[in-house]
Amino acid sequence: MYTKNKIQKANSKLQKMFFGICIFLIGISANAQCAMCRAALGGDSNTKKAEAVNDGIVYLMVIPYLLVLIIGYLIYRMYSKKKKAV
């Protein structure tokens, strides 16, 4: 049977692998223009504007994910403090 120590080590390895994958995926560039933005900014003369719109869309997309991540971390920390207290 598995002992509590082996299960904790497996969970620790799984968490490290999960965070490693997340950090790897953060660096991947995204092209987040909708069809209307792409059509409005299409053409060779608007490349700077298109890049700026792309960056703005990605920036707005990241904020909700960061909020969920922070709230998830706070909940995790709260539960880990409860486990230590018991």
N, C-alpha and C. Protein backbone atom coordinates (compact mmCIF):
# COMPACT_ATOMS: atom_id res chain seq x y z
N MET A 1 0.83 -1.19 0.00
CA MET A 1 0.00 0.00 0.00
C MET A 1 0.87 1.25 0.00
N TYR A 2 0.25 2.31 -0.44
CA TYR A 2 0.96 3.58 -0.45
C TYR A 2 0.94 4.20 0.94
N THR A 3 2.07 4.72 1.32
CA THR A 3 2.12 5.43 2.58
C THR A 3 1.81 6.90 2.34
N LYS A 4 1.52 7.59 3.40
CA LYS A 4 1.18 9.01 3.29
C LYS A 4 2.34 9.81 2.72
N ASN A 5 3.57 9.43 3.07
CA ASN A 5 4.75 10.14 2.60
C ASN A 5 4.92 9.99 1.08
N LYS A 6 4.68 8.77 0.56
CA LYS A 6 4.80 8.55 -0.88
C LYS A 6 3.75 9.33 -1.66
N ILE A 7 2.54 9.39 -1.11
CA ILE A 7 1.47 10.14 -1.77
C ILE A 7 1.81 11.63 -1.79
N GLN A 8 2.35 12.15 -0.70
CA GLN A 8 2.73 13.57 -0.65
C GLN A 8 3.83 13.87 -1.64
N LYS A 9 4.81 12.95 -1.79
CA LYS A 9 5.88 13.17 -2.75
C LYS A 9 5.33 13.16 -4.17
N ALA A 10 4.40 12.26 -4.46
CA ALA A 10 3.80 12.20 -5.79
C ALA A 10 3.01 13.47 -6.08
N ASN A 11 2.26 13.95 -5.09
CA ASN A 11 1.51 15.20 -5.26
C ASN A 11 2.45 16.37 -5.48
N SER A 12 3.57 16.39 -4.78
CA SER A 12 4.54 17.46 -4.93
C SER A 12 5.13 17.46 -6.34
N LYS A 13 5.46 16.28 -6.85
CA LYS A 13 6.00 16.18 -8.21
C LYS A 13 4.96 16.62 -9.23
N LEU A 14 3.70 16.23 -9.01
CA LEU A 14 2.63 16.61 -9.92
C LEU A 14 2.43 18.13 -9.93
N GLN A 15 2.49 18.76 -8.76
CA GLN A 15 2.35 20.21 -8.68
C GLN A 15 3.50 20.92 -9.39
N LYS A 16 4.71 20.43 -9.20
CA LYS A 16 5.86 21.04 -9.86
C LYS A 16 5.74 20.92 -11.37
N MET A 17 5.29 19.76 -11.85
CA MET A 17 5.14 19.57 -13.29
C MET A 17 4.04 20.49 -13.84
N PHE A 18 2.94 20.63 -13.10
CA PHE A 18 1.85 21.50 -13.52
C PHE A 18 2.32 22.95 -13.63
N PHE A 19 3.02 23.44 -12.61
CA PHE A 19 3.50 24.82 -12.65
C PHE A 19 4.56 25.01 -13.73
N GLY A 20 5.37 24.01 -13.98
CA GLY A 20 6.36 24.09 -15.05
C GLY A 20 5.69 24.23 -16.41
N ILE A 21 4.63 23.46 -16.63
CA ILE A 21 3.90 23.56 -17.90
C ILE A 21 3.24 24.92 -18.02
N CYS A 22 2.67 25.43 -16.93
CA CYS A 22 2.04 26.75 -16.97
C CYS A 22 3.04 27.84 -17.30
N ILE A 23 4.20 27.79 -16.70
CA ILE A 23 5.23 28.80 -16.97
C ILE A 23 5.70 28.70 -18.42
N PHE A 24 5.80 27.48 -18.93
CA PHE A 24 6.19 27.30 -20.33
C PHE A 24 5.15 27.91 -21.27
N LEU A 25 3.88 27.73 -20.96
CA LEU A 25 2.82 28.23 -21.82
C LEU A 25 2.66 29.74 -21.74
N ILE A 26 3.11 30.36 -20.67
CA ILE A 26 3.00 31.81 -20.56
C ILE A 26 3.81 32.50 -21.66
N GLY A 27 4.94 31.93 -22.02
CA GLY A 27 5.81 32.55 -23.01
C GLY A 27 5.33 32.42 -24.45
N ILE A 28 4.30 31.62 -24.69
CA ILE A 28 3.82 31.43 -26.05
C ILE A 28 3.06 32.68 -26.49
N SER A 29 3.42 33.19 -27.64
CA SER A 29 2.77 34.38 -28.16
C SER A 29 1.39 34.04 -28.69
N ALA A 30 0.46 34.99 -28.57
CA ALA A 30 -0.90 34.75 -29.02
C ALA A 30 -1.32 35.83 -30.01
N ASN A 31 -2.03 35.42 -31.04
CA ASN A 31 -2.65 36.35 -31.96
C ASN A 31 -4.13 36.36 -31.63
N ALA A 32 -4.56 37.40 -30.94
CA ALA A 32 -5.90 37.39 -30.35
C ALA A 32 -6.86 38.36 -31.02
N GLN A 33 -6.68 38.64 -32.28
CA GLN A 33 -7.59 39.56 -32.93
C GLN A 33 -8.87 38.86 -33.35
N CYS A 34 -9.98 39.56 -33.17
CA CYS A 34 -11.24 39.03 -33.68
C CYS A 34 -11.31 39.33 -35.19
N ALA A 35 -12.30 38.78 -35.85
CA ALA A 35 -12.41 38.94 -37.30
C ALA A 35 -12.61 40.40 -37.70
N MET A 36 -13.40 41.14 -36.93
CA MET A 36 -13.66 42.54 -37.27
C MET A 36 -12.41 43.39 -37.08
N CYS A 37 -11.67 43.14 -36.02
CA CYS A 37 -10.43 43.90 -35.80
C CYS A 37 -9.42 43.61 -36.91
N ARG A 38 -9.34 42.34 -37.27
CA ARG A 38 -8.40 41.96 -38.33
C ARG A 38 -8.75 42.63 -39.66
N ALA A 39 -10.06 42.68 -39.97
CA ALA A 39 -10.50 43.31 -41.22
C ALA A 39 -10.25 44.82 -41.19
N ALA A 40 -10.50 45.44 -40.05
CA ALA A 40 -10.32 46.89 -39.94
C ALA A 40 -8.85 47.29 -39.99
N LEU A 41 -8.00 46.42 -39.49
CA LEU A 41 -6.57 46.74 -39.43
C LEU A 41 -5.77 46.02 -40.50
N GLY A 42 -6.45 45.38 -41.42
CA GLY A 42 -5.75 44.62 -42.46
C GLY A 42 -4.97 45.53 -43.40
N GLY A 43 -3.97 44.97 -44.01
CA GLY A 43 -3.13 45.74 -44.94
C GLY A 43 -1.74 45.92 -44.38
N ASP A 44 -0.82 46.28 -45.26
CA ASP A 44 0.57 46.43 -44.85
C ASP A 44 0.84 47.73 -44.11
N SER A 45 0.01 48.74 -44.32
CA SER A 45 0.28 50.04 -43.71
C SER A 45 -0.11 50.09 -42.23
N ASN A 46 -0.90 49.15 -41.77
CA ASN A 46 -1.40 49.19 -40.40
C ASN A 46 -0.74 48.16 -39.49
N THR A 47 0.47 47.76 -39.75
CA THR A 47 1.08 46.70 -38.94
C THR A 47 1.32 47.15 -37.50
N LYS A 48 1.73 48.38 -37.30
CA LYS A 48 1.96 48.88 -35.93
C LYS A 48 0.64 48.93 -35.16
N LYS A 49 -0.42 49.42 -35.80
CA LYS A 49 -1.72 49.49 -35.13
C LYS A 49 -2.24 48.08 -34.82
N ALA A 50 -2.04 47.17 -35.75
CA ALA A 50 -2.51 45.79 -35.54
C ALA A 50 -1.78 45.15 -34.36
N GLU A 51 -0.48 45.37 -34.25
CA GLU A 51 0.28 44.84 -33.12
C GLU A 51 -0.19 45.46 -31.81
N ALA A 52 -0.49 46.75 -31.82
CA ALA A 52 -0.96 47.42 -30.61
C ALA A 52 -2.33 46.88 -30.18
N VAL A 53 -3.22 46.67 -31.14
CA VAL A 53 -4.53 46.11 -30.82
C VAL A 53 -4.37 44.69 -30.28
N ASN A 54 -3.50 43.91 -30.89
CA ASN A 54 -3.23 42.55 -30.44
C ASN A 54 -2.73 42.54 -28.99
N ASP A 55 -1.79 43.41 -28.69
CA ASP A 55 -1.26 43.48 -27.33
C ASP A 55 -2.34 43.89 -26.33
N GLY A 56 -3.19 44.82 -26.71
CA GLY A 56 -4.27 45.24 -25.84
C GLY A 56 -5.27 44.12 -25.56
N ILE A 57 -5.59 43.34 -26.57
CA ILE A 57 -6.52 42.23 -26.40
C ILE A 57 -5.92 41.18 -25.48
N VAL A 58 -4.65 40.86 -25.67
CA VAL A 58 -3.99 39.87 -24.82
C VAL A 58 -3.92 40.38 -23.39
N TYR A 59 -3.63 41.66 -23.21
CA TYR A 59 -3.57 42.26 -21.87
C TYR A 59 -4.92 42.13 -21.17
N LEU A 60 -6.00 42.45 -21.87
CA LEU A 60 -7.33 42.35 -21.28
C LEU A 60 -7.71 40.91 -21.00
N MET A 61 -7.20 39.98 -21.78
CA MET A 61 -7.50 38.57 -21.59
C MET A 61 -6.78 38.00 -20.36
N VAL A 62 -5.61 38.51 -20.05
CA VAL A 62 -4.79 37.96 -18.97
C VAL A 62 -5.35 38.32 -17.59
N ILE A 63 -5.97 39.46 -17.44
CA ILE A 63 -6.43 39.94 -16.14
C ILE A 63 -7.39 38.95 -15.45
N PRO A 64 -8.42 38.42 -16.11
CA PRO A 64 -9.29 37.46 -15.41
C PRO A 64 -8.55 36.19 -14.99
N TYR A 65 -7.63 35.73 -15.81
CA TYR A 65 -6.87 34.54 -15.45
C TYR A 65 -6.00 34.80 -14.21
N LEU A 66 -5.40 35.96 -14.14
CA LEU A 66 -4.60 36.29 -12.96
C LEU A 66 -5.46 36.36 -11.70
N LEU A 67 -6.66 36.93 -11.83
CA LEU A 67 -7.55 37.00 -10.67
C LEU A 67 -7.94 35.61 -10.19
N VAL A 68 -8.27 34.72 -11.11
CA VAL A 68 -8.63 33.35 -10.74
C VAL A 68 -7.44 32.66 -10.10
N LEU A 69 -6.25 32.87 -10.63
CA LEU A 69 -5.04 32.26 -10.08
C LEU A 69 -4.79 32.76 -8.65
N ILE A 70 -4.92 34.04 -8.43
CA ILE A 70 -4.69 34.60 -7.09
C ILE A 70 -5.72 34.08 -6.10
N ILE A 71 -6.99 34.05 -6.50
CA ILE A 71 -8.03 33.55 -5.62
C ILE A 71 -7.81 32.07 -5.33
N GLY A 72 -7.44 31.30 -6.33
CA GLY A 72 -7.14 29.88 -6.13
C GLY A 72 -5.98 29.67 -5.17
N TYR A 73 -4.95 30.49 -5.29
CA TYR A 73 -3.81 30.38 -4.37
C TYR A 73 -4.21 30.71 -2.94
N LEU A 74 -5.01 31.75 -2.78
CA LEU A 74 -5.46 32.12 -1.43
C LEU A 74 -6.31 31.01 -0.80
N ILE A 75 -7.17 30.38 -1.59
CA ILE A 75 -7.97 29.26 -1.08
C ILE A 75 -7.07 28.10 -0.73
N TYR A 76 -6.09 27.80 -1.57
CA TYR A 76 -5.15 26.72 -1.28
C TYR A 76 -4.40 26.98 0.01
N ARG A 77 -3.94 28.21 0.20
CA ARG A 77 -3.20 28.56 1.41
C ARG A 77 -4.09 28.45 2.65
N MET A 78 -5.36 28.83 2.50
CA MET A 78 -6.29 28.73 3.62
C MET A 78 -6.49 27.26 4.02
N TYR A 79 -6.67 26.38 3.04
CA TYR A 79 -6.86 24.97 3.35
C TYR A 79 -5.59 24.33 3.91
N SER A 80 -4.43 24.75 3.42
CA SER A 80 -3.19 24.17 3.96
C SER A 80 -2.97 24.61 5.41
N LYS A 81 -3.37 25.83 5.76
CA LYS A 81 -3.27 26.27 7.16
C LYS A 81 -4.23 25.48 8.05
N LYS A 82 -5.42 25.14 7.52
CA LYS A 82 -6.37 24.35 8.29
C LYS A 82 -5.82 22.95 8.55
N LYS A 83 -5.17 22.36 7.54
CA LYS A 83 -4.61 21.02 7.69
C LYS A 83 -3.49 21.02 8.74
N LYS A 84 -2.66 22.05 8.74
CA LYS A 84 -1.57 22.13 9.71
C LYS A 84 -2.10 22.30 11.13
N ALA A 85 -3.22 23.02 11.27
CA ALA A 85 -3.80 23.25 12.58
C ALA A 85 -4.41 21.98 13.18
N VAL A 86 -4.85 21.08 12.32
CA VAL A 86 -5.51 19.85 12.82
C VAL A 86 -4.53 18.82 13.20
